[in-house]
Amino acid sequence: MLLHLRPTMLSSEVFVDLIDLRIEPFGLYLRGGRELMTGRPYPNKHYTVVCRKTGKKAINGIFLKVNRQVEGFDYTARWLAGGIVVTHRVSCSVLDQEFGAASDDMMFWRATSSGWENRMPDGFRGAVPIYVEPVMQLVDTSGKRSSTLDVIDFKTGWIIDRTQVFAMPSIEPDRLLSSEFRPRMPAPEDAFEARISRRPWRMPSNASQGPRIQ
């Protein structure tokens, strides 16, 4: 199965960089500055996105090539922001097994005039992607973000730990390989090889609660 992930930090004032990324149950440990780097592939340059360390061009996320179909997985991204380590934990579930790919970018779920059918789940209809898709941020003033559990540092007022859940439909792998949806996609040959271990995957039960103060 081909997975497209975009560990992302939204920060307008503080310089941020990736420390590392863990993805389970694949047993992947990827380091910023080694296997991974960060870039700003979107017109809104407040978004910093993780990509594979190949060249200098900012790429929209990473590919994982998994040895079989996936029902769910977790990833933990640690970021350095203004000298402080902040952690983003995301638990993803794949809602169906109809196709051999999935993406946390909701743009790929939409129907297009060129013939791609709609893959948007009923529960996401009308949802605004910037409030639903996984993203880490130091300050969230929107009050609209769903399915997060935030730990807020008392001294800085920053979110230093966020747990988020996200469900996605399966999609056709060719969608991810087409430039029709979004430019700056990873190259197929840059996919990280991943295998599912025997450790069972479980969705956390507390991710829909409100913020906590530390």
N, C-alpha and C. Protein backbone atom coordinates (compact mmCIF):
# COMPACT_ATOMS: atom_id res chain seq x y z
N MET A 1 0.85 -1.19 0.00
CA MET A 1 0.00 0.00 0.00
C MET A 1 0.89 1.24 0.00
N LEU A 2 0.47 2.27 -0.73
CA LEU A 2 1.22 3.51 -0.81
C LEU A 2 0.54 4.55 0.08
N LEU A 3 1.28 5.07 1.07
CA LEU A 3 0.76 6.07 1.99
C LEU A 3 1.46 7.40 1.76
N HIS A 4 0.68 8.45 1.76
CA HIS A 4 1.20 9.81 1.62
C HIS A 4 0.95 10.57 2.92
N LEU A 5 2.02 10.97 3.61
CA LEU A 5 1.92 11.66 4.90
C LEU A 5 2.62 13.00 4.82
N ARG A 6 2.09 13.97 5.57
CA ARG A 6 2.66 15.31 5.57
C ARG A 6 2.78 15.84 7.00
N PRO A 7 3.68 15.33 7.81
CA PRO A 7 3.88 15.94 9.13
C PRO A 7 4.15 17.43 8.95
N THR A 8 3.33 18.26 9.61
CA THR A 8 3.30 19.68 9.31
C THR A 8 3.27 20.51 10.58
N MET A 9 4.00 21.62 10.56
CA MET A 9 3.98 22.60 11.65
C MET A 9 3.50 23.94 11.08
N LEU A 10 2.55 24.56 11.76
CA LEU A 10 2.06 25.89 11.41
C LEU A 10 2.61 26.88 12.43
N SER A 11 3.49 27.76 11.96
CA SER A 11 4.10 28.74 12.85
C SER A 11 4.41 30.00 12.06
N SER A 12 3.93 31.13 12.55
CA SER A 12 4.10 32.38 11.81
C SER A 12 5.26 33.23 12.32
N GLU A 13 5.70 33.01 13.55
CA GLU A 13 6.70 33.90 14.14
C GLU A 13 7.98 33.20 14.59
N VAL A 14 7.90 31.92 14.90
CA VAL A 14 9.03 31.19 15.47
C VAL A 14 9.62 30.24 14.44
N PHE A 15 10.94 30.22 14.32
CA PHE A 15 11.59 29.26 13.43
C PHE A 15 11.44 27.86 14.00
N VAL A 16 11.05 26.92 13.14
CA VAL A 16 10.86 25.53 13.57
C VAL A 16 11.65 24.60 12.66
N ASP A 17 12.04 23.46 13.22
CA ASP A 17 12.74 22.44 12.45
C ASP A 17 12.40 21.07 13.03
N LEU A 18 12.44 20.06 12.19
CA LEU A 18 12.12 18.71 12.64
C LEU A 18 13.29 18.07 13.36
N ILE A 19 13.02 17.44 14.49
CA ILE A 19 14.03 16.64 15.19
C ILE A 19 14.00 15.22 14.65
N ASP A 20 12.84 14.56 14.76
CA ASP A 20 12.73 13.20 14.26
C ASP A 20 11.27 12.82 14.07
N LEU A 21 11.07 11.68 13.42
CA LEU A 21 9.73 11.17 13.11
C LEU A 21 9.74 9.66 13.32
N ARG A 22 8.80 9.17 14.14
CA ARG A 22 8.61 7.74 14.35
C ARG A 22 7.26 7.33 13.77
N ILE A 23 7.22 6.19 13.08
CA ILE A 23 5.98 5.71 12.49
C ILE A 23 5.80 4.24 12.85
N GLU A 24 4.71 3.95 13.53
CA GLU A 24 4.39 2.59 13.96
C GLU A 24 3.04 2.16 13.38
N PRO A 25 2.84 0.88 13.10
CA PRO A 25 3.66 -0.28 13.52
C PRO A 25 4.74 -0.67 12.53
N PHE A 26 5.28 0.30 11.80
CA PHE A 26 6.29 -0.02 10.79
C PHE A 26 7.71 -0.01 11.33
N GLY A 27 7.88 0.48 12.58
CA GLY A 27 9.21 0.52 13.15
C GLY A 27 10.14 1.49 12.46
N LEU A 28 9.60 2.54 11.83
CA LEU A 28 10.42 3.52 11.13
C LEU A 28 10.85 4.64 12.08
N TYR A 29 12.13 4.93 12.09
CA TYR A 29 12.67 6.06 12.83
C TYR A 29 13.49 6.88 11.85
N LEU A 30 13.01 8.10 11.56
CA LEU A 30 13.63 8.97 10.55
C LEU A 30 14.03 10.28 11.21
N ARG A 31 15.23 10.75 10.90
CA ARG A 31 15.79 11.91 11.59
C ARG A 31 15.83 13.14 10.70
N GLY A 32 15.51 14.29 11.30
CA GLY A 32 15.67 15.53 10.59
C GLY A 32 17.13 15.82 10.30
N GLY A 33 17.43 16.26 9.09
CA GLY A 33 18.81 16.51 8.70
C GLY A 33 19.55 15.29 8.20
N ARG A 34 18.97 14.12 8.39
CA ARG A 34 19.56 12.87 7.89
C ARG A 34 18.68 12.31 6.77
N GLU A 35 17.65 11.56 7.16
CA GLU A 35 16.73 11.00 6.17
C GLU A 35 15.67 12.02 5.72
N LEU A 36 15.40 12.99 6.59
CA LEU A 36 14.33 13.95 6.33
C LEU A 36 14.84 15.38 6.38
N MET A 37 14.09 16.28 5.74
CA MET A 37 14.32 17.71 5.87
C MET A 37 12.94 18.39 5.88
N THR A 38 12.93 19.68 6.01
CA THR A 38 11.67 20.41 5.99
C THR A 38 11.69 21.45 4.88
N GLY A 39 10.50 21.84 4.43
CA GLY A 39 10.37 22.86 3.41
C GLY A 39 9.02 23.53 3.51
N ARG A 40 8.80 24.50 2.63
CA ARG A 40 7.52 25.23 2.60
C ARG A 40 6.96 25.16 1.19
N PRO A 41 6.28 24.05 0.87
CA PRO A 41 5.81 23.83 -0.51
C PRO A 41 4.54 24.59 -0.87
N TYR A 42 3.89 25.24 0.11
CA TYR A 42 2.61 25.89 -0.14
C TYR A 42 2.80 27.40 -0.29
N PRO A 43 1.86 28.06 -0.95
CA PRO A 43 1.91 29.53 -1.03
C PRO A 43 1.93 30.19 0.34
N ASN A 44 1.22 29.61 1.32
CA ASN A 44 1.26 30.10 2.69
C ASN A 44 2.53 29.58 3.35
N LYS A 45 3.53 30.45 3.49
CA LYS A 45 4.84 30.02 3.97
C LYS A 45 4.90 29.84 5.48
N HIS A 46 3.78 29.96 6.16
CA HIS A 46 3.73 29.65 7.59
C HIS A 46 3.69 28.15 7.84
N TYR A 47 3.40 27.36 6.79
CA TYR A 47 3.34 25.91 6.91
C TYR A 47 4.71 25.31 6.58
N THR A 48 5.27 24.58 7.53
CA THR A 48 6.52 23.85 7.33
C THR A 48 6.20 22.36 7.25
N VAL A 49 6.61 21.71 6.16
CA VAL A 49 6.22 20.32 5.88
C VAL A 49 7.46 19.44 5.80
N VAL A 50 7.35 18.24 6.34
CA VAL A 50 8.44 17.26 6.31
C VAL A 50 8.50 16.59 4.94
N CYS A 51 9.70 16.39 4.43
CA CYS A 51 9.88 15.65 3.18
C CYS A 51 11.20 14.89 3.24
N ARG A 52 11.41 14.02 2.27
CA ARG A 52 12.66 13.24 2.24
C ARG A 52 13.83 14.15 1.88
N LYS A 53 14.99 13.89 2.45
CA LYS A 53 16.17 14.72 2.20
C LYS A 53 16.79 14.33 0.86
N THR A 54 16.25 14.92 -0.18
CA THR A 54 16.77 14.73 -1.53
C THR A 54 16.72 16.07 -2.26
N GLY A 55 17.86 16.65 -2.54
CA GLY A 55 17.88 17.94 -3.21
C GLY A 55 17.46 19.07 -2.29
N LYS A 56 17.11 20.21 -2.90
CA LYS A 56 16.77 21.41 -2.13
C LYS A 56 15.32 21.83 -2.32
N LYS A 57 14.60 21.20 -3.23
CA LYS A 57 13.23 21.61 -3.52
C LYS A 57 12.29 21.17 -2.39
N ALA A 58 11.40 22.07 -1.98
CA ALA A 58 10.41 21.75 -0.95
C ALA A 58 9.35 20.83 -1.53
N ILE A 59 9.20 19.65 -0.94
CA ILE A 59 8.28 18.62 -1.43
C ILE A 59 7.13 18.46 -0.45
N ASN A 60 5.96 18.11 -0.99
CA ASN A 60 4.74 18.01 -0.20
C ASN A 60 4.63 16.64 0.48
N GLY A 61 5.41 16.44 1.54
CA GLY A 61 5.30 15.22 2.34
C GLY A 61 6.19 14.08 1.88
N ILE A 62 5.89 12.90 2.42
CA ILE A 62 6.67 11.70 2.11
C ILE A 62 5.74 10.57 1.69
N PHE A 63 6.30 9.61 0.95
CA PHE A 63 5.62 8.37 0.61
C PHE A 63 6.16 7.24 1.49
N LEU A 64 5.25 6.36 1.92
CA LEU A 64 5.63 5.08 2.52
C LEU A 64 5.09 3.97 1.63
N LYS A 65 5.93 3.04 1.27
CA LYS A 65 5.51 1.88 0.50
C LYS A 65 5.47 0.69 1.46
N VAL A 66 4.24 0.28 1.82
CA VAL A 66 4.04 -0.74 2.85
C VAL A 66 3.81 -2.09 2.19
N ASN A 67 4.24 -3.16 2.84
CA ASN A 67 4.22 -4.48 2.21
C ASN A 67 2.82 -5.07 2.07
N ARG A 68 1.80 -4.47 2.71
CA ARG A 68 0.43 -4.95 2.53
C ARG A 68 -0.55 -3.84 2.89
N GLN A 69 -1.85 -4.13 2.77
CA GLN A 69 -2.88 -3.15 3.09
C GLN A 69 -2.81 -2.74 4.56
N VAL A 70 -3.16 -1.51 4.84
CA VAL A 70 -3.02 -0.93 6.17
C VAL A 70 -4.39 -0.51 6.68
N GLU A 71 -4.67 -0.85 7.95
CA GLU A 71 -5.91 -0.40 8.60
C GLU A 71 -5.68 0.84 9.46
N GLY A 72 -4.48 1.00 9.97
CA GLY A 72 -4.19 2.16 10.80
C GLY A 72 -2.72 2.22 11.17
N PHE A 73 -2.27 3.38 11.59
CA PHE A 73 -0.88 3.56 11.98
C PHE A 73 -0.79 4.84 12.81
N ASP A 74 0.31 4.97 13.54
CA ASP A 74 0.57 6.16 14.36
C ASP A 74 1.89 6.78 13.92
N TYR A 75 1.95 8.11 13.99
CA TYR A 75 3.27 8.73 13.85
C TYR A 75 3.45 9.82 14.90
N THR A 76 4.71 9.99 15.31
CA THR A 76 5.08 10.99 16.30
C THR A 76 6.19 11.84 15.72
N ALA A 77 5.90 13.13 15.57
CA ALA A 77 6.90 14.08 15.07
C ALA A 77 7.33 14.99 16.20
N ARG A 78 8.64 15.09 16.41
CA ARG A 78 9.18 16.02 17.40
C ARG A 78 9.80 17.20 16.66
N TRP A 79 9.40 18.40 17.07
CA TRP A 79 9.86 19.63 16.45
C TRP A 79 10.65 20.46 17.45
N LEU A 80 11.61 21.23 16.94
CA LEU A 80 12.32 22.20 17.75
C LEU A 80 11.80 23.58 17.36
N ALA A 81 11.21 24.28 18.33
CA ALA A 81 10.60 25.59 18.08
C ALA A 81 11.13 26.59 19.10
N GLY A 82 11.91 27.53 18.65
CA GLY A 82 12.46 28.52 19.58
C GLY A 82 13.23 27.91 20.71
N GLY A 83 13.93 26.82 20.47
CA GLY A 83 14.72 26.14 21.49
C GLY A 83 13.93 25.20 22.37
N ILE A 84 12.63 25.03 22.12
CA ILE A 84 11.77 24.15 22.90
C ILE A 84 11.33 22.96 22.06
N VAL A 85 11.36 21.76 22.64
CA VAL A 85 10.90 20.56 21.93
C VAL A 85 9.38 20.44 22.08
N VAL A 86 8.69 20.34 20.96
CA VAL A 86 7.24 20.13 20.98
C VAL A 86 6.95 18.85 20.21
N THR A 87 5.90 18.14 20.62
CA THR A 87 5.62 16.80 20.09
C THR A 87 4.22 16.73 19.51
N HIS A 88 4.12 16.15 18.34
CA HIS A 88 2.83 15.95 17.66
C HIS A 88 2.63 14.46 17.43
N ARG A 89 1.57 13.91 18.03
CA ARG A 89 1.24 12.50 17.89
C ARG A 89 -0.05 12.38 17.08
N VAL A 90 0.00 11.61 16.02
CA VAL A 90 -1.17 11.46 15.14
C VAL A 90 -1.49 9.98 14.98
N SER A 91 -2.75 9.62 15.21
CA SER A 91 -3.23 8.26 14.98
C SER A 91 -4.17 8.29 13.78
N CYS A 92 -3.78 7.58 12.74
CA CYS A 92 -4.52 7.57 11.49
C CYS A 92 -5.21 6.22 11.29
N SER A 93 -6.42 6.23 10.80
CA SER A 93 -7.11 5.01 10.42
C SER A 93 -7.50 5.11 8.94
N VAL A 94 -7.46 3.97 8.26
CA VAL A 94 -7.89 3.89 6.86
C VAL A 94 -9.28 3.26 6.86
N LEU A 95 -10.25 3.98 6.34
CA LEU A 95 -11.66 3.63 6.51
C LEU A 95 -12.11 2.43 5.69
N ASP A 96 -11.39 2.10 4.61
CA ASP A 96 -11.80 0.99 3.75
C ASP A 96 -10.57 0.43 3.06
N GLN A 97 -10.74 -0.69 2.41
CA GLN A 97 -9.63 -1.38 1.75
C GLN A 97 -9.87 -1.52 0.25
N GLU A 98 -10.64 -0.59 -0.31
CA GLU A 98 -11.02 -0.71 -1.72
C GLU A 98 -9.86 -0.47 -2.67
N PHE A 99 -8.99 0.47 -2.33
CA PHE A 99 -7.87 0.82 -3.20
C PHE A 99 -6.55 0.70 -2.45
N GLY A 100 -5.45 0.85 -3.17
CA GLY A 100 -4.14 0.56 -2.61
C GLY A 100 -3.33 1.75 -2.18
N ALA A 101 -3.99 2.87 -1.84
CA ALA A 101 -3.26 4.05 -1.38
C ALA A 101 -4.14 4.85 -0.43
N ALA A 102 -3.50 5.78 0.29
CA ALA A 102 -4.23 6.69 1.18
C ALA A 102 -3.36 7.92 1.40
N SER A 103 -4.01 9.07 1.66
CA SER A 103 -3.30 10.32 1.88
C SER A 103 -3.99 11.13 2.95
N ASP A 104 -3.21 11.87 3.76
CA ASP A 104 -3.80 12.78 4.73
C ASP A 104 -4.09 14.15 4.12
N ASP A 105 -3.91 14.28 2.81
CA ASP A 105 -4.24 15.49 2.08
C ASP A 105 -5.62 15.31 1.46
N MET A 106 -6.62 16.02 1.99
CA MET A 106 -8.00 15.84 1.54
C MET A 106 -8.22 16.25 0.09
N MET A 107 -7.28 17.00 -0.49
CA MET A 107 -7.38 17.36 -1.90
C MET A 107 -7.49 16.12 -2.78
N PHE A 108 -6.82 15.03 -2.37
CA PHE A 108 -6.81 13.82 -3.18
C PHE A 108 -8.12 13.03 -3.07
N TRP A 109 -8.99 13.41 -2.19
CA TRP A 109 -10.24 12.67 -2.02
C TRP A 109 -11.35 13.17 -2.95
N ARG A 110 -11.15 14.28 -3.60
CA ARG A 110 -12.22 14.93 -4.34
C ARG A 110 -12.40 14.36 -5.75
N ALA A 111 -13.61 14.50 -6.27
CA ALA A 111 -13.87 14.17 -7.67
C ALA A 111 -13.29 15.26 -8.55
N THR A 112 -12.89 14.89 -9.76
CA THR A 112 -12.34 15.87 -10.70
C THR A 112 -13.03 15.75 -12.05
N SER A 113 -12.89 16.79 -12.84
CA SER A 113 -13.49 16.80 -14.18
C SER A 113 -12.82 15.82 -15.12
N SER A 114 -11.62 15.35 -14.76
CA SER A 114 -10.91 14.41 -15.61
C SER A 114 -11.31 12.96 -15.38
N GLY A 115 -12.20 12.72 -14.40
CA GLY A 115 -12.73 11.37 -14.25
C GLY A 115 -12.52 10.71 -12.91
N TRP A 116 -11.71 11.31 -12.03
CA TRP A 116 -11.55 10.72 -10.71
C TRP A 116 -12.85 10.86 -9.93
N GLU A 117 -13.30 9.75 -9.33
CA GLU A 117 -14.55 9.76 -8.59
C GLU A 117 -14.36 10.31 -7.18
N ASN A 118 -15.45 10.77 -6.60
CA ASN A 118 -15.42 11.31 -5.25
C ASN A 118 -15.13 10.22 -4.23
N ARG A 119 -14.14 10.47 -3.35
CA ARG A 119 -13.82 9.53 -2.27
C ARG A 119 -14.01 10.17 -0.90
N MET A 120 -14.67 11.33 -0.87
CA MET A 120 -14.87 12.05 0.37
C MET A 120 -15.88 11.31 1.25
N PRO A 121 -15.51 10.84 2.44
CA PRO A 121 -16.46 10.16 3.34
C PRO A 121 -17.58 11.10 3.75
N ASP A 122 -18.74 10.54 4.03
CA ASP A 122 -19.90 11.36 4.40
C ASP A 122 -19.60 12.26 5.59
N GLY A 123 -18.85 11.76 6.55
CA GLY A 123 -18.57 12.53 7.75
C GLY A 123 -17.69 13.74 7.52
N PHE A 124 -17.05 13.84 6.35
CA PHE A 124 -16.17 14.96 6.05
C PHE A 124 -16.81 15.99 5.12
N ARG A 125 -18.00 15.71 4.63
CA ARG A 125 -18.63 16.64 3.69
C ARG A 125 -18.86 17.99 4.37
N GLY A 126 -18.38 19.02 3.73
CA GLY A 126 -18.49 20.37 4.27
C GLY A 126 -17.39 20.74 5.24
N ALA A 127 -16.51 19.79 5.57
CA ALA A 127 -15.42 20.08 6.50
C ALA A 127 -14.36 20.96 5.83
N VAL A 128 -13.77 21.84 6.61
CA VAL A 128 -12.70 22.71 6.11
C VAL A 128 -11.36 22.01 6.38
N PRO A 129 -10.60 21.65 5.34
CA PRO A 129 -9.38 20.87 5.56
C PRO A 129 -8.41 21.46 6.57
N ILE A 130 -8.27 22.78 6.63
CA ILE A 130 -7.27 23.35 7.54
C ILE A 130 -7.64 23.13 9.00
N TYR A 131 -8.90 22.80 9.29
CA TYR A 131 -9.32 22.52 10.66
C TYR A 131 -9.44 21.03 10.95
N VAL A 132 -9.24 20.19 9.94
CA VAL A 132 -9.44 18.75 10.09
C VAL A 132 -8.14 17.98 9.90
N GLU A 133 -7.36 18.35 8.90
CA GLU A 133 -6.13 17.63 8.60
C GLU A 133 -5.13 17.77 9.76
N PRO A 134 -4.26 16.76 9.94
CA PRO A 134 -3.28 16.83 11.03
C PRO A 134 -2.32 17.99 10.85
N VAL A 135 -2.11 18.76 11.91
CA VAL A 135 -1.14 19.86 11.89
C VAL A 135 -0.75 20.18 13.33
N MET A 136 0.52 20.46 13.54
CA MET A 136 1.02 20.92 14.84
C MET A 136 1.14 22.43 14.79
N GLN A 137 0.84 23.10 15.89
CA GLN A 137 1.02 24.54 15.98
C GLN A 137 1.28 24.92 17.43
N LEU A 138 1.97 26.03 17.60
CA LEU A 138 2.32 26.47 18.95
C LEU A 138 1.15 27.15 19.62
N VAL A 139 0.36 27.89 18.86
CA VAL A 139 -0.81 28.60 19.38
C VAL A 139 -1.97 28.34 18.43
N ASP A 140 -3.11 27.94 18.98
CA ASP A 140 -4.31 27.69 18.18
C ASP A 140 -5.42 28.58 18.70
N THR A 141 -5.69 29.66 17.97
CA THR A 141 -6.72 30.60 18.40
C THR A 141 -8.03 30.42 17.65
N SER A 142 -8.07 29.43 16.74
CA SER A 142 -9.26 29.27 15.91
C SER A 142 -10.45 28.73 16.70
N GLY A 143 -10.16 27.81 17.64
CA GLY A 143 -11.23 27.17 18.38
C GLY A 143 -12.06 26.22 17.54
N LYS A 144 -11.60 25.92 16.33
CA LYS A 144 -12.38 25.10 15.40
C LYS A 144 -11.75 23.75 15.12
N ARG A 145 -10.53 23.54 15.61
CA ARG A 145 -9.85 22.30 15.25
C ARG A 145 -10.49 21.12 15.97
N SER A 146 -10.61 19.99 15.25
CA SER A 146 -11.31 18.83 15.79
C SER A 146 -10.34 17.72 16.17
N SER A 147 -10.77 16.89 17.12
CA SER A 147 -10.08 15.65 17.48
C SER A 147 -8.65 15.86 17.92
N THR A 148 -8.43 16.81 18.82
CA THR A 148 -7.09 17.02 19.36
C THR A 148 -7.12 17.02 20.88
N LEU A 149 -6.01 16.63 21.45
CA LEU A 149 -5.78 16.75 22.89
C LEU A 149 -4.47 17.50 23.05
N ASP A 150 -4.52 18.72 23.60
CA ASP A 150 -3.35 19.60 23.66
C ASP A 150 -2.86 19.77 25.09
N VAL A 151 -1.55 19.75 25.24
CA VAL A 151 -0.90 20.09 26.50
C VAL A 151 -0.26 21.46 26.30
N ILE A 152 -0.63 22.42 27.13
CA ILE A 152 -0.17 23.80 26.98
C ILE A 152 0.82 24.14 28.09
N ASP A 153 1.98 24.67 27.70
CA ASP A 153 2.99 25.06 28.66
C ASP A 153 2.55 26.35 29.37
N PHE A 154 2.57 26.34 30.70
CA PHE A 154 2.08 27.48 31.48
C PHE A 154 2.92 28.73 31.25
N LYS A 155 4.24 28.57 31.10
CA LYS A 155 5.12 29.74 30.99
C LYS A 155 5.02 30.42 29.63
N THR A 156 5.03 29.64 28.57
CA THR A 156 5.04 30.22 27.22
C THR A 156 3.65 30.38 26.62
N GLY A 157 2.68 29.58 27.10
CA GLY A 157 1.37 29.57 26.49
C GLY A 157 1.31 28.75 25.21
N TRP A 158 2.42 28.08 24.89
CA TRP A 158 2.49 27.28 23.66
C TRP A 158 1.92 25.88 23.88
N ILE A 159 1.42 25.30 22.80
CA ILE A 159 1.09 23.88 22.78
C ILE A 159 2.41 23.12 22.64
N ILE A 160 2.74 22.32 23.62
CA ILE A 160 4.01 21.59 23.56
C ILE A 160 3.78 20.10 23.28
N ASP A 161 2.54 19.65 23.35
CA ASP A 161 2.23 18.25 23.05
C ASP A 161 0.80 18.19 22.52
N ARG A 162 0.65 17.64 21.34
CA ARG A 162 -0.68 17.51 20.73
C ARG A 162 -0.89 16.07 20.26
N THR A 163 -2.02 15.50 20.65
CA THR A 163 -2.45 14.20 20.13
C THR A 163 -3.66 14.43 19.24
N GLN A 164 -3.63 13.84 18.07
CA GLN A 164 -4.68 14.09 17.08
C GLN A 164 -5.06 12.79 16.40
N VAL A 165 -6.34 12.64 16.07
CA VAL A 165 -6.79 11.46 15.32
C VAL A 165 -7.30 11.91 13.97
N PHE A 166 -7.13 11.03 12.98
CA PHE A 166 -7.52 11.38 11.62
C PHE A 166 -7.88 10.11 10.87
N ALA A 167 -9.02 10.13 10.20
CA ALA A 167 -9.45 8.99 9.38
C ALA A 167 -9.42 9.39 7.91
N MET A 168 -9.04 8.45 7.06
CA MET A 168 -8.92 8.74 5.63
C MET A 168 -9.45 7.58 4.81
N PRO A 169 -10.02 7.85 3.65
CA PRO A 169 -10.45 6.77 2.77
C PRO A 169 -9.27 6.22 1.98
N SER A 170 -9.41 5.03 1.44
CA SER A 170 -8.42 4.56 0.48
C SER A 170 -8.67 5.29 -0.85
N ILE A 171 -7.61 5.46 -1.62
CA ILE A 171 -7.71 6.08 -2.94
C ILE A 171 -6.85 5.28 -3.92
N GLU A 172 -7.01 5.57 -5.18
CA GLU A 172 -6.21 4.90 -6.20
C GLU A 172 -4.77 5.40 -6.15
N PRO A 173 -3.77 4.53 -6.22
CA PRO A 173 -2.38 4.98 -6.19
C PRO A 173 -2.05 5.99 -7.28
N ASP A 174 -2.69 5.88 -8.44
CA ASP A 174 -2.39 6.80 -9.54
C ASP A 174 -2.74 8.25 -9.20
N ARG A 175 -3.66 8.46 -8.28
CA ARG A 175 -3.95 9.84 -7.88
C ARG A 175 -2.71 10.50 -7.28
N LEU A 176 -1.98 9.73 -6.49
CA LEU A 176 -0.80 10.27 -5.83
C LEU A 176 0.35 10.53 -6.79
N LEU A 177 0.29 9.88 -7.93
CA LEU A 177 1.37 10.01 -8.91
C LEU A 177 1.04 11.01 -10.00
N SER A 178 -0.13 11.64 -9.91
CA SER A 178 -0.57 12.60 -10.91
C SER A 178 -0.34 14.02 -10.41
N SER A 179 0.16 14.89 -11.28
CA SER A 179 0.37 16.29 -10.91
C SER A 179 -0.92 17.10 -11.01
N GLU A 180 -2.02 16.44 -11.38
CA GLU A 180 -3.29 17.13 -11.53
C GLU A 180 -3.77 17.72 -10.20
N PHE A 181 -3.52 17.01 -9.11
CA PHE A 181 -4.06 17.42 -7.82
C PHE A 181 -3.21 18.48 -7.15
N ARG A 182 -1.93 18.26 -7.05
CA ARG A 182 -1.07 19.22 -6.36
C ARG A 182 0.37 19.01 -6.83
N PRO A 183 1.09 20.11 -7.12
CA PRO A 183 2.48 19.95 -7.53
C PRO A 183 3.37 19.62 -6.34
N ARG A 184 4.64 19.42 -6.61
CA ARG A 184 5.66 19.18 -5.58
C ARG A 184 5.41 17.90 -4.78
N MET A 185 4.87 16.89 -5.42
CA MET A 185 4.68 15.61 -4.76
C MET A 185 5.97 14.82 -4.71
N PRO A 186 6.10 13.89 -3.74
CA PRO A 186 7.30 13.04 -3.71
C PRO A 186 7.39 12.18 -4.97
N ALA A 187 8.60 11.83 -5.32
CA ALA A 187 8.81 10.91 -6.43
C ALA A 187 8.60 9.48 -5.94
N PRO A 188 8.03 8.59 -6.77
CA PRO A 188 7.81 7.21 -6.34
C PRO A 188 9.08 6.52 -5.84
N GLU A 189 10.20 6.83 -6.47
CA GLU A 189 11.45 6.18 -6.08
C GLU A 189 11.98 6.68 -4.73
N ASP A 190 11.39 7.76 -4.22
CA ASP A 190 11.82 8.28 -2.92
C ASP A 190 10.96 7.75 -1.76
N ALA A 191 10.09 6.79 -2.04
CA ALA A 191 9.24 6.23 -0.98
C ALA A 191 10.10 5.45 0.02
N PHE A 192 9.76 5.55 1.29
CA PHE A 192 10.41 4.75 2.33
C PHE A 192 9.74 3.38 2.37
N GLU A 193 10.54 2.32 2.34
CA GLU A 193 10.01 0.97 2.44
C GLU A 193 9.59 0.69 3.89
N ALA A 194 8.41 0.11 4.06
CA ALA A 194 7.90 -0.14 5.42
C ALA A 194 7.22 -1.49 5.47
N ARG A 195 7.36 -2.14 6.62
CA ARG A 195 6.71 -3.42 6.84
C ARG A 195 5.94 -3.37 8.15
N ILE A 196 4.78 -4.00 8.16
CA ILE A 196 3.95 -4.02 9.36
C ILE A 196 4.49 -5.06 10.33
N SER A 197 4.75 -4.64 11.56
CA SER A 197 5.24 -5.57 12.58
C SER A 197 4.06 -6.31 13.19
N ARG A 198 4.35 -7.19 14.13
CA ARG A 198 3.30 -7.99 14.76
C ARG A 198 2.58 -7.23 15.88
N ARG A 199 3.13 -6.10 16.31
CA ARG A 199 2.49 -5.36 17.39
C ARG A 199 1.14 -4.82 16.93
N PRO A 200 0.05 -5.08 17.62
CA PRO A 200 -1.26 -4.62 17.18
C PRO A 200 -1.38 -3.11 17.25
N TRP A 201 -2.08 -2.53 16.27
CA TRP A 201 -2.32 -1.09 16.25
C TRP A 201 -3.63 -0.79 16.97
N ARG A 202 -3.63 0.27 17.79
CA ARG A 202 -4.83 0.66 18.52
C ARG A 202 -5.04 2.16 18.43
N MET A 203 -6.29 2.59 18.23
CA MET A 203 -6.64 3.99 18.26
C MET A 203 -6.71 4.47 19.70
N PRO A 204 -6.06 5.62 20.05
CA PRO A 204 -6.17 6.13 21.42
C PRO A 204 -7.59 6.57 21.71
N SER A 205 -8.01 6.42 22.96
CA SER A 205 -9.40 6.70 23.31
C SER A 205 -9.62 8.11 23.83
N ASN A 206 -8.55 8.87 24.08
CA ASN A 206 -8.71 10.16 24.74
C ASN A 206 -8.43 11.35 23.84
N ALA A 207 -8.29 11.15 22.54
CA ALA A 207 -7.82 12.23 21.68
C ALA A 207 -8.87 13.28 21.39
N SER A 208 -10.14 13.05 21.72
CA SER A 208 -11.17 14.03 21.43
C SER A 208 -11.42 14.98 22.60
N GLN A 209 -10.67 14.85 23.68
CA GLN A 209 -10.85 15.72 24.84
C GLN A 209 -10.27 17.10 24.57
N GLY A 210 -10.58 18.03 25.47
CA GLY A 210 -10.12 19.40 25.31
C GLY A 210 -8.69 19.58 25.77
N PRO A 211 -8.20 20.85 25.78
CA PRO A 211 -6.80 21.12 26.13
C PRO A 211 -6.53 20.91 27.60
N ARG A 212 -5.27 20.60 27.91
CA ARG A 212 -4.81 20.49 29.29
C ARG A 212 -3.67 21.49 29.50
N ILE A 213 -3.56 22.00 30.68
CA ILE A 213 -2.50 22.95 31.02
C ILE A 213 -1.40 22.24 31.78
N GLN A 214 -0.17 22.44 31.35
CA GLN A 214 0.96 21.82 32.06
C GLN A 214 1.72 22.90 32.83
